[in-house]
Amino acid sequence: MYHRVPSEDLDLVITAVNIQREVGGNLAEVLDNISFTIRERVRIKGEIRTLTAQGRISGTVISLLPVVLAGILYLINPDYVSELWVKEAPWVWPGVIPCGYLMLGLSAIMIASGWFAIRKIVDIEV
C-alpha cells in the first residue's frame, strides 16, 4: 500500500500496525497516538509556513523589483534604457554583443540565484 501512496504518515501507520501485530497490545491506543502525532505534524507545518511567509514574500518582491523598475524606467525614458541594446562591449567580441546583453544576463543570473537562496533559507523541513 505504501508503494501506491508514498506518504510519511502512512509509513508511520503501517510500521505501527506491523509492530503491534507482532508484539501485541491495544491497537486502538496505538492508532490514537499516531493520529495525534499526525495532527501535530500538520499543525507544526502550518505554523512554520505562516512564520516563513514574510521571508518568502520578501524574496519574491526583492527579486521582481529590478525588473519592475527597469520597465518603469523604460516607460519614462526609453532612450536611456535603449543604450543597453546599442552600446557594444569592446572587451568581448567587438561588434557582436551589445554591452547591455551581458549586463542583463548577469543580473538575471544573480537575481535568480538570490531568489533560490532566499527560498532555501525559508524552506524549513519538519
N, C-alpha and C. Protein backbone atom coordinates (compact mmCIF):
# COMPACT_ATOMS: atom_id res chain seq x y z
N MET A 1 0.83 -1.19 0.00
CA MET A 1 0.00 0.00 0.00
C MET A 1 0.88 1.27 0.00
N TYR A 2 1.99 1.20 0.73
CA TYR A 2 2.88 2.36 0.80
C TYR A 2 3.46 2.69 -0.57
N HIS A 3 3.67 1.69 -1.41
CA HIS A 3 4.23 1.93 -2.74
C HIS A 3 3.24 2.67 -3.64
N ARG A 4 1.95 2.46 -3.42
CA ARG A 4 0.94 3.17 -4.22
C ARG A 4 0.73 4.59 -3.73
N VAL A 5 0.82 4.79 -2.41
CA VAL A 5 0.60 6.11 -1.83
C VAL A 5 1.81 6.43 -0.94
N PRO A 6 2.88 6.98 -1.52
CA PRO A 6 4.06 7.28 -0.70
C PRO A 6 3.81 8.48 0.21
N SER A 7 3.68 8.21 1.50
CA SER A 7 3.42 9.25 2.47
C SER A 7 4.12 8.90 3.77
N GLU A 8 4.72 9.89 4.42
CA GLU A 8 5.39 9.65 5.69
C GLU A 8 4.38 9.21 6.75
N ASP A 9 3.20 9.81 6.72
CA ASP A 9 2.18 9.47 7.71
C ASP A 9 1.69 8.04 7.52
N LEU A 10 1.48 7.64 6.28
CA LEU A 10 1.06 6.27 6.01
C LEU A 10 2.15 5.29 6.39
N ASP A 11 3.40 5.65 6.16
CA ASP A 11 4.51 4.79 6.57
C ASP A 11 4.52 4.62 8.09
N LEU A 12 4.22 5.68 8.82
CA LEU A 12 4.15 5.61 10.27
C LEU A 12 3.04 4.67 10.72
N VAL A 13 1.87 4.77 10.09
CA VAL A 13 0.74 3.90 10.44
C VAL A 13 1.07 2.44 10.12
N ILE A 14 1.62 2.18 8.97
CA ILE A 14 1.94 0.81 8.56
C ILE A 14 2.97 0.20 9.51
N THR A 15 3.99 0.97 9.85
CA THR A 15 5.02 0.47 10.77
C THR A 15 4.42 0.16 12.14
N ALA A 16 3.58 1.06 12.64
CA ALA A 16 2.97 0.84 13.96
C ALA A 16 2.06 -0.37 13.96
N VAL A 17 1.27 -0.55 12.92
CA VAL A 17 0.36 -1.70 12.84
C VAL A 17 1.16 -3.00 12.73
N ASN A 18 2.23 -3.00 11.96
CA ASN A 18 3.06 -4.21 11.84
C ASN A 18 3.72 -4.57 13.17
N ILE A 19 4.24 -3.56 13.87
CA ILE A 19 4.85 -3.82 15.17
C ILE A 19 3.80 -4.31 16.16
N GLN A 20 2.62 -3.68 16.15
CA GLN A 20 1.55 -4.09 17.06
C GLN A 20 1.10 -5.51 16.76
N ARG A 21 1.07 -5.90 15.50
CA ARG A 21 0.64 -7.24 15.12
C ARG A 21 1.63 -8.29 15.63
N GLU A 22 2.92 -7.97 15.57
CA GLU A 22 3.93 -8.94 16.03
C GLU A 22 4.03 -8.98 17.55
N VAL A 23 3.99 -7.82 18.19
CA VAL A 23 4.20 -7.75 19.63
C VAL A 23 2.89 -7.90 20.39
N GLY A 24 1.83 -7.34 19.83
CA GLY A 24 0.53 -7.36 20.52
C GLY A 24 0.31 -6.04 21.23
N GLY A 25 -0.85 -5.90 21.82
CA GLY A 25 -1.18 -4.68 22.54
C GLY A 25 -2.49 -4.10 22.06
N ASN A 26 -2.75 -2.90 22.52
CA ASN A 26 -4.02 -2.23 22.24
C ASN A 26 -3.88 -1.43 20.93
N LEU A 27 -4.49 -1.93 19.87
CA LEU A 27 -4.40 -1.28 18.56
C LEU A 27 -5.08 0.08 18.56
N ALA A 28 -6.19 0.21 19.29
CA ALA A 28 -6.91 1.48 19.32
C ALA A 28 -6.04 2.58 19.94
N GLU A 29 -5.31 2.24 20.99
CA GLU A 29 -4.44 3.22 21.63
C GLU A 29 -3.28 3.61 20.71
N VAL A 30 -2.72 2.62 20.02
CA VAL A 30 -1.62 2.90 19.08
C VAL A 30 -2.09 3.83 17.97
N LEU A 31 -3.24 3.53 17.39
CA LEU A 31 -3.77 4.38 16.31
C LEU A 31 -4.15 5.77 16.82
N ASP A 32 -4.61 5.85 18.07
CA ASP A 32 -4.94 7.15 18.66
C ASP A 32 -3.67 8.00 18.81
N ASN A 33 -2.59 7.37 19.27
CA ASN A 33 -1.32 8.09 19.40
C ASN A 33 -0.78 8.53 18.04
N ILE A 34 -0.92 7.68 17.05
CA ILE A 34 -0.45 8.03 15.70
C ILE A 34 -1.28 9.18 15.13
N SER A 35 -2.59 9.14 15.34
CA SER A 35 -3.43 10.23 14.81
C SER A 35 -3.06 11.55 15.49
N PHE A 36 -2.76 11.51 16.79
CA PHE A 36 -2.32 12.73 17.48
C PHE A 36 -1.00 13.23 16.89
N THR A 37 -0.07 12.32 16.63
CA THR A 37 1.22 12.68 16.05
C THR A 37 1.06 13.31 14.68
N ILE A 38 0.19 12.73 13.86
CA ILE A 38 -0.04 13.26 12.51
C ILE A 38 -0.68 14.64 12.58
N ARG A 39 -1.65 14.82 13.48
CA ARG A 39 -2.29 16.14 13.64
C ARG A 39 -1.27 17.19 14.07
N GLU A 40 -0.41 16.83 15.01
CA GLU A 40 0.61 17.77 15.48
C GLU A 40 1.60 18.12 14.36
N ARG A 41 1.96 17.14 13.57
CA ARG A 41 2.88 17.38 12.46
C ARG A 41 2.26 18.35 11.46
N VAL A 42 0.99 18.16 11.14
CA VAL A 42 0.30 19.07 10.21
C VAL A 42 0.20 20.46 10.80
N ARG A 43 -0.09 20.55 12.11
CA ARG A 43 -0.19 21.85 12.77
C ARG A 43 1.16 22.58 12.75
N ILE A 44 2.22 21.86 13.03
CA ILE A 44 3.55 22.48 13.06
C ILE A 44 3.97 22.92 11.66
N LYS A 45 3.66 22.12 10.65
CA LYS A 45 3.98 22.52 9.27
C LYS A 45 3.25 23.81 8.90
N GLY A 46 1.97 23.91 9.28
CA GLY A 46 1.21 25.12 9.01
C GLY A 46 1.77 26.32 9.75
N GLU A 47 2.19 26.10 10.98
CA GLU A 47 2.76 27.19 11.77
C GLU A 47 4.08 27.67 11.17
N ILE A 48 4.91 26.74 10.75
CA ILE A 48 6.18 27.11 10.12
C ILE A 48 5.93 27.85 8.82
N ARG A 49 4.96 27.38 8.05
CA ARG A 49 4.63 28.05 6.79
C ARG A 49 4.16 29.48 7.05
N THR A 50 3.40 29.67 8.11
CA THR A 50 2.93 31.01 8.46
C THR A 50 4.09 31.90 8.89
N LEU A 51 5.00 31.36 9.69
CA LEU A 51 6.11 32.15 10.19
C LEU A 51 7.13 32.51 9.10
N THR A 52 7.22 31.70 8.06
CA THR A 52 8.17 31.99 6.99
C THR A 52 7.53 32.71 5.80
N ALA A 53 6.27 33.06 5.92
CA ALA A 53 5.57 33.74 4.81
C ALA A 53 6.22 35.08 4.49
N GLN A 54 6.62 35.82 5.52
CA GLN A 54 7.24 37.12 5.29
C GLN A 54 8.54 36.98 4.50
N GLY A 55 9.34 35.99 4.82
CA GLY A 55 10.58 35.78 4.08
C GLY A 55 10.34 35.40 2.63
N ARG A 56 9.34 34.54 2.39
CA ARG A 56 9.03 34.15 1.01
C ARG A 56 8.54 35.33 0.20
N ILE A 57 7.67 36.14 0.78
CA ILE A 57 7.14 37.30 0.06
C ILE A 57 8.24 38.34 -0.16
N SER A 58 9.09 38.55 0.85
CA SER A 58 10.20 39.50 0.70
C SER A 58 11.13 39.06 -0.42
N GLY A 59 11.43 37.77 -0.50
CA GLY A 59 12.29 37.27 -1.57
C GLY A 59 11.69 37.50 -2.94
N THR A 60 10.39 37.28 -3.06
CA THR A 60 9.72 37.49 -4.34
C THR A 60 9.72 38.98 -4.72
N VAL A 61 9.40 39.84 -3.75
CA VAL A 61 9.35 41.28 -4.03
C VAL A 61 10.74 41.80 -4.40
N ILE A 62 11.75 41.39 -3.65
CA ILE A 62 13.11 41.86 -3.93
C ILE A 62 13.60 41.35 -5.29
N SER A 63 13.19 40.14 -5.65
CA SER A 63 13.60 39.59 -6.95
C SER A 63 12.90 40.29 -8.11
N LEU A 64 11.66 40.68 -7.92
CA LEU A 64 10.91 41.33 -9.00
C LEU A 64 11.18 42.83 -9.10
N LEU A 65 11.71 43.42 -8.04
CA LEU A 65 11.91 44.86 -8.01
C LEU A 65 12.81 45.38 -9.14
N PRO A 66 13.95 44.79 -9.45
CA PRO A 66 14.76 45.31 -10.56
C PRO A 66 14.05 45.23 -11.91
N VAL A 67 13.28 44.17 -12.12
CA VAL A 67 12.57 44.02 -13.39
C VAL A 67 11.49 45.10 -13.51
N VAL A 68 10.75 45.31 -12.43
CA VAL A 68 9.69 46.32 -12.44
C VAL A 68 10.29 47.72 -12.62
N LEU A 69 11.36 48.01 -11.91
CA LEU A 69 11.98 49.33 -12.04
C LEU A 69 12.56 49.55 -13.44
N ALA A 70 13.11 48.51 -14.05
CA ALA A 70 13.61 48.65 -15.42
C ALA A 70 12.45 48.92 -16.38
N GLY A 71 11.32 48.27 -16.17
CA GLY A 71 10.14 48.52 -17.00
C GLY A 71 9.63 49.94 -16.84
N ILE A 72 9.57 50.42 -15.60
CA ILE A 72 9.12 51.79 -15.35
C ILE A 72 10.10 52.79 -15.97
N LEU A 73 11.38 52.52 -15.81
CA LEU A 73 12.39 53.40 -16.40
C LEU A 73 12.29 53.42 -17.92
N TYR A 74 11.99 52.29 -18.52
CA TYR A 74 11.82 52.24 -19.97
C TYR A 74 10.59 53.03 -20.40
N LEU A 75 9.51 52.97 -19.61
CA LEU A 75 8.32 53.75 -19.94
C LEU A 75 8.57 55.25 -19.80
N ILE A 76 9.35 55.64 -18.81
CA ILE A 76 9.61 57.06 -18.58
C ILE A 76 10.60 57.62 -19.59
N ASN A 77 11.71 56.90 -19.83
CA ASN A 77 12.76 57.39 -20.71
C ASN A 77 13.31 56.24 -21.55
N PRO A 78 12.66 55.91 -22.66
CA PRO A 78 13.10 54.77 -23.47
C PRO A 78 14.49 54.94 -24.07
N ASP A 79 14.90 56.17 -24.37
CA ASP A 79 16.23 56.39 -24.94
C ASP A 79 17.34 56.01 -23.96
N TYR A 80 17.11 56.26 -22.69
CA TYR A 80 18.10 55.95 -21.67
C TYR A 80 18.31 54.44 -21.55
N VAL A 81 17.22 53.69 -21.58
CA VAL A 81 17.30 52.23 -21.43
C VAL A 81 17.76 51.58 -22.73
N SER A 82 17.46 52.19 -23.86
CA SER A 82 17.85 51.59 -25.14
C SER A 82 19.36 51.56 -25.34
N GLU A 83 20.11 52.31 -24.53
CA GLU A 83 21.57 52.25 -24.60
C GLU A 83 22.08 50.85 -24.27
N LEU A 84 21.31 50.09 -23.52
CA LEU A 84 21.71 48.71 -23.19
C LEU A 84 21.82 47.85 -24.44
N TRP A 85 21.00 48.12 -25.43
CA TRP A 85 20.98 47.29 -26.62
C TRP A 85 21.85 47.86 -27.75
N VAL A 86 22.31 49.10 -27.60
CA VAL A 86 23.05 49.76 -28.67
C VAL A 86 24.56 49.73 -28.43
N LYS A 87 24.98 50.04 -27.22
CA LYS A 87 26.41 50.11 -26.91
C LYS A 87 27.04 48.73 -27.03
N GLU A 88 28.23 48.69 -27.63
CA GLU A 88 28.94 47.43 -27.80
C GLU A 88 29.92 47.23 -26.65
N ALA A 89 30.19 45.99 -26.36
CA ALA A 89 31.18 45.66 -25.33
C ALA A 89 32.50 45.40 -26.02
N PRO A 90 33.45 46.34 -25.98
CA PRO A 90 34.71 46.16 -26.72
C PRO A 90 35.59 45.05 -26.15
N TRP A 91 35.42 44.71 -24.89
CA TRP A 91 36.28 43.68 -24.30
C TRP A 91 35.84 42.27 -24.66
N VAL A 92 34.63 42.13 -25.22
CA VAL A 92 34.15 40.82 -25.68
C VAL A 92 33.85 40.97 -27.15
N TRP A 93 34.13 40.16 -28.00
CA TRP A 93 33.82 40.19 -29.43
C TRP A 93 33.28 41.53 -29.91
N PRO A 94 34.14 42.46 -30.26
CA PRO A 94 33.67 43.78 -30.70
C PRO A 94 32.72 43.67 -31.89
N GLY A 95 31.64 44.39 -31.78
CA GLY A 95 30.67 44.43 -32.86
C GLY A 95 29.69 43.27 -32.85
N VAL A 96 29.78 42.39 -31.87
CA VAL A 96 28.91 41.21 -31.86
C VAL A 96 27.87 41.29 -30.76
N ILE A 97 28.31 41.54 -29.53
CA ILE A 97 27.40 41.51 -28.39
C ILE A 97 27.29 42.91 -27.79
N PRO A 98 26.08 43.45 -27.75
CA PRO A 98 25.90 44.73 -27.04
C PRO A 98 26.18 44.55 -25.55
N CYS A 99 26.69 45.58 -24.94
CA CYS A 99 27.08 45.55 -23.54
C CYS A 99 25.89 45.24 -22.63
N GLY A 100 24.73 45.74 -22.99
CA GLY A 100 23.54 45.53 -22.17
C GLY A 100 23.13 44.08 -22.06
N TYR A 101 23.36 43.31 -23.12
CA TYR A 101 23.00 41.88 -23.07
C TYR A 101 23.80 41.17 -21.99
N LEU A 102 25.09 41.49 -21.91
CA LEU A 102 25.92 40.89 -20.87
C LEU A 102 25.45 41.30 -19.48
N MET A 103 25.16 42.58 -19.31
CA MET A 103 24.71 43.05 -18.00
C MET A 103 23.35 42.47 -17.64
N LEU A 104 22.44 42.40 -18.60
CA LEU A 104 21.13 41.82 -18.31
C LEU A 104 21.23 40.33 -17.99
N GLY A 105 22.09 39.63 -18.71
CA GLY A 105 22.27 38.21 -18.44
C GLY A 105 22.85 37.96 -17.06
N LEU A 106 23.89 38.72 -16.71
CA LEU A 106 24.50 38.56 -15.39
C LEU A 106 23.53 38.95 -14.28
N SER A 107 22.77 40.02 -14.49
CA SER A 107 21.81 40.43 -13.46
C SER A 107 20.69 39.40 -13.32
N ALA A 108 20.26 38.79 -14.41
CA ALA A 108 19.23 37.75 -14.32
C ALA A 108 19.75 36.54 -13.55
N ILE A 109 21.01 36.18 -13.79
CA ILE A 109 21.61 35.06 -13.05
C ILE A 109 21.71 35.39 -11.56
N MET A 110 22.13 36.61 -11.23
CA MET A 110 22.26 36.99 -9.83
C MET A 110 20.91 37.08 -9.14
N ILE A 111 19.90 37.61 -9.83
CA ILE A 111 18.56 37.70 -9.25
C ILE A 111 18.00 36.30 -9.00
N ALA A 112 18.17 35.42 -9.97
CA ALA A 112 17.66 34.05 -9.81
C ALA A 112 18.39 33.32 -8.68
N SER A 113 19.70 33.49 -8.59
CA SER A 113 20.43 32.81 -7.51
C SER A 113 20.05 33.38 -6.15
N GLY A 114 19.80 34.67 -6.06
CA GLY A 114 19.34 35.26 -4.81
C GLY A 114 17.96 34.76 -4.42
N TRP A 115 17.08 34.64 -5.41
CA TRP A 115 15.73 34.13 -5.15
C TRP A 115 15.79 32.69 -4.65
N PHE A 116 16.62 31.86 -5.30
CA PHE A 116 16.75 30.47 -4.86
C PHE A 116 17.38 30.38 -3.46
N ALA A 117 18.33 31.26 -3.17
CA ALA A 117 18.95 31.25 -1.84
C ALA A 117 17.94 31.63 -0.76
N ILE A 118 17.12 32.63 -1.03
CA ILE A 118 16.10 33.03 -0.06
C ILE A 118 15.09 31.91 0.11
N ARG A 119 14.68 31.27 -0.97
CA ARG A 119 13.75 30.13 -0.88
C ARG A 119 14.35 29.01 -0.04
N LYS A 120 15.63 28.75 -0.23
CA LYS A 120 16.30 27.68 0.52
C LYS A 120 16.36 28.02 2.01
N ILE A 121 16.57 29.29 2.33
CA ILE A 121 16.66 29.71 3.72
C ILE A 121 15.31 29.57 4.42
N VAL A 122 14.22 29.97 3.76
CA VAL A 122 12.91 29.93 4.42
C VAL A 122 12.21 28.59 4.28
N ASP A 123 12.79 27.65 3.54
CA ASP A 123 12.20 26.32 3.40
C ASP A 123 12.71 25.43 4.53
N ILE A 124 11.91 25.28 5.56
CA ILE A 124 12.31 24.53 6.75
C ILE A 124 11.67 23.15 6.70
N GLU A 125 12.49 22.12 6.82
CA GLU A 125 12.00 20.74 6.82
C GLU A 125 11.48 20.40 8.21
N VAL A 126 10.36 19.69 8.24
CA VAL A 126 9.79 19.25 9.52
C VAL A 126 9.90 17.75 9.60
